[in-house]
Amino acid sequence: MANKQPKIKDPDLAKVGVALERAAANARQLGFDTNTPVYVFRDGQIVDIVKGHRMTQSKKKTIAKKRHREKQPHRKAQSKKRPDRSTE
């Protein structure tokens, strides 16, 4: 038996599914861009789909910082000599 969907007569209601999918995609993208949690119901549990992305990004940043430090020669901090003001 084929799974038949009922014919929707209202043209606005016919577009609801597409609009919801577009809104969900925009919410996911906003979450990834702003590093904000995005919770979804998956396999009977509420999960943050951005959490894995955040962990991956932080690991990449850590690795990039380490590589940057390895490329830069170590410089000693130079202290600025201040004039002696005790004699003024």
C-alpha atoms as a PDB file:
ATOM      1  CA  MET A   1       0.000   0.000   0.000  1.00  0.00           C
ATOM      2  CA  ALA A   2       1.437   3.342  -0.987  1.00  0.00           C
ATOM      3  CA  ASN A   3       1.764   6.067   1.617  1.00  0.00           C
ATOM      4  CA  LYS A   4      -0.523   8.797   0.278  1.00  0.00           C
ATOM      5  CA  GLN A   5      -0.389  12.311   1.648  1.00  0.00           C
ATOM      6  CA  PRO A   6      -3.655  14.210   1.792  1.00  0.00           C
ATOM      7  CA  LYS A   7      -4.122  16.976  -0.752  1.00  0.00           C
ATOM      8  CA  ILE A   8      -3.865  20.354   1.026  1.00  0.00           C
ATOM      9  CA  LYS A   9      -6.247  22.921  -0.381  1.00  0.00           C
ATOM     10  CA  ASP A  10      -4.848  25.990   1.397  1.00  0.00           C
ATOM     11  CA  PRO A  11      -1.747  27.220  -0.519  1.00  0.00           C
ATOM     12  CA  ASP A  12      -0.205  28.734   2.641  1.00  0.00           C
ATOM     13  CA  LEU A  13      -0.427  25.431   4.517  1.00  0.00           C
ATOM     14  CA  ALA A  14       1.083  23.612   1.562  1.00  0.00           C
ATOM     15  CA  LYS A  15       4.310  25.620   1.996  1.00  0.00           C
ATOM     16  CA  VAL A  16       4.677  25.112   5.746  1.00  0.00           C
ATOM     17  CA  GLY A  17       6.988  22.086   5.466  1.00  0.00           C
ATOM     18  CA  VAL A  18       9.431  23.874   3.186  1.00  0.00           C
ATOM     19  CA  ALA A  19       9.391  26.969   5.411  1.00  0.00           C
ATOM     20  CA  LEU A  20      10.105  24.876   8.534  1.00  0.00           C
ATOM     21  CA  GLU A  21      13.032  23.145   6.841  1.00  0.00           C
ATOM     22  CA  ARG A  22      14.438  26.530   5.765  1.00  0.00           C
ATOM     23  CA  ALA A  23      14.010  27.936   9.294  1.00  0.00           C
ATOM     24  CA  ALA A  24      15.769  24.895  10.798  1.00  0.00           C
ATOM     25  CA  ALA A  25      18.670  25.262   8.376  1.00  0.00           C
ATOM     26  CA  ASN A  26      18.976  28.961   9.245  1.00  0.00           C
ATOM     27  CA  ALA A  27      18.917  28.161  12.977  1.00  0.00           C
ATOM     28  CA  ARG A  28      21.662  25.554  12.580  1.00  0.00           C
ATOM     29  CA  GLN A  29      23.808  27.936  10.544  1.00  0.00           C
ATOM     30  CA  LEU A  30      23.335  30.725  13.080  1.00  0.00           C
ATOM     31  CA  GLY A  31      24.315  28.333  15.881  1.00  0.00           C
ATOM     32  CA  PHE A  32      27.503  27.317  14.077  1.00  0.00           C
ATOM     33  CA  ASP A  33      28.390  30.904  13.157  1.00  0.00           C
ATOM     34  CA  THR A  34      27.860  32.295  16.663  1.00  0.00           C
ATOM     35  CA  ASN A  35      28.965  29.175  18.570  1.00  0.00           C
ATOM     36  CA  THR A  36      25.547  29.031  20.242  1.00  0.00           C
ATOM     37  CA  PRO A  37      23.991  25.716  21.338  1.00  0.00           C
ATOM     38  CA  VAL A  38      21.338  24.309  18.995  1.00  0.00           C
ATOM     39  CA  TYR A  39      19.285  21.573  20.616  1.00  0.00           C
ATOM     40  CA  VAL A  40      17.423  18.903  18.665  1.00  0.00           C
ATOM     41  CA  PHE A  41      15.511  15.780  19.627  1.00  0.00           C
ATOM     42  CA  ARG A  42      17.541  12.851  18.260  1.00  0.00           C
ATOM     43  CA  ASP A  43      17.090   9.152  19.054  1.00  0.00           C
ATOM     44  CA  GLY A  44      14.884   9.929  22.033  1.00  0.00           C
ATOM     45  CA  GLN A  45      17.301  12.411  23.589  1.00  0.00           C
ATOM     46  CA  ILE A  46      17.849  16.156  23.458  1.00  0.00           C
ATOM     47  CA  VAL A  47      21.318  16.852  22.057  1.00  0.00           C
ATOM     48  CA  ASP A  48      23.336  19.946  21.182  1.00  0.00           C
ATOM     49  CA  ILE A  49      24.362  19.589  17.538  1.00  0.00           C
ATOM     50  CA  VAL A  50      26.830  22.484  17.756  1.00  0.00           C
ATOM     51  CA  LYS A  51      28.783  20.946  20.668  1.00  0.00           C
ATOM     52  CA  GLY A  52      30.788  18.616  18.447  1.00  0.00           C
ATOM     53  CA  HIS A  53      31.512  21.478  16.090  1.00  0.00           C
ATOM     54  CA  ARG A  54      32.698  23.626  19.011  1.00  0.00           C
ATOM     55  CA  MET A  55      35.069  20.895  20.202  1.00  0.00           C
ATOM     56  CA  THR A  56      36.466  20.419  16.696  1.00  0.00           C
ATOM     57  CA  GLN A  57      36.970  24.157  16.259  1.00  0.00           C
ATOM     58  CA  SER A  58      38.694  24.566  19.635  1.00  0.00           C
ATOM     59  CA  LYS A  59      41.072  21.694  18.803  1.00  0.00           C
ATOM     60  CA  LYS A  60      41.868  23.298  15.456  1.00  0.00           C
ATOM     61  CA  LYS A  61      42.538  26.649  17.145  1.00  0.00           C
ATOM     62  CA  THR A  62      44.801  25.004  19.731  1.00  0.00           C
ATOM     63  CA  ILE A  63      46.774  23.231  17.018  1.00  0.00           C
ATOM     64  CA  ALA A  64      47.043  26.438  14.984  1.00  0.00           C
ATOM     65  CA  LYS A  65      48.318  28.362  18.028  1.00  0.00           C
ATOM     66  CA  LYS A  66      50.938  25.695  18.718  1.00  0.00           C
ATOM     67  CA  ARG A  67      52.114  25.780  15.116  1.00  0.00           C
ATOM     68  CA  HIS A  68      52.270  29.570  15.198  1.00  0.00           C
ATOM     69  CA  ARG A  69      54.344  29.516  18.376  1.00  0.00           C
ATOM     70  CA  GLU A  70      56.733  26.948  16.881  1.00  0.00           C
ATOM     71  CA  LYS A  71      57.342  29.145  13.843  1.00  0.00           C
ATOM     72  CA  GLN A  72      58.011  32.308  15.864  1.00  0.00           C
ATOM     73  CA  PRO A  73      61.425  32.649  17.505  1.00  0.00           C
ATOM     74  CA  HIS A  74      61.290  33.159  21.241  1.00  0.00           C
ATOM     75  CA  ARG A  75      61.816  36.776  22.219  1.00  0.00           C
ATOM     76  CA  LYS A  76      62.676  37.944  25.666  1.00  0.00           C
ATOM     77  CA  ALA A  77      60.468  40.618  27.068  1.00  0.00           C
ATOM     78  CA  GLN A  78      62.233  43.921  26.947  1.00  0.00           C
ATOM     79  CA  SER A  79      61.832  46.052  30.009  1.00  0.00           C
ATOM     80  CA  LYS A  80      61.408  49.735  29.417  1.00  0.00           C
ATOM     81  CA  LYS A  81      63.818  51.827  31.383  1.00  0.00           C
ATOM     82  CA  ARG A  82      62.058  54.599  33.183  1.00  0.00           C
ATOM     83  CA  PRO A  83      63.813  57.734  34.265  1.00  0.00           C
ATOM     84  CA  ASP A  84      64.649  57.899  37.922  1.00  0.00           C
ATOM     85  CA  ARG A  85      62.142  60.316  39.436  1.00  0.00           C
ATOM     86  CA  SER A  86      63.435  60.150  42.974  1.00  0.00           C
ATOM     87  CA  THR A  87      65.788  63.111  42.373  1.00  0.00           C
ATOM     88  CA  GLU A  88      63.096  65.433  41.030  1.00  0.00           C
END
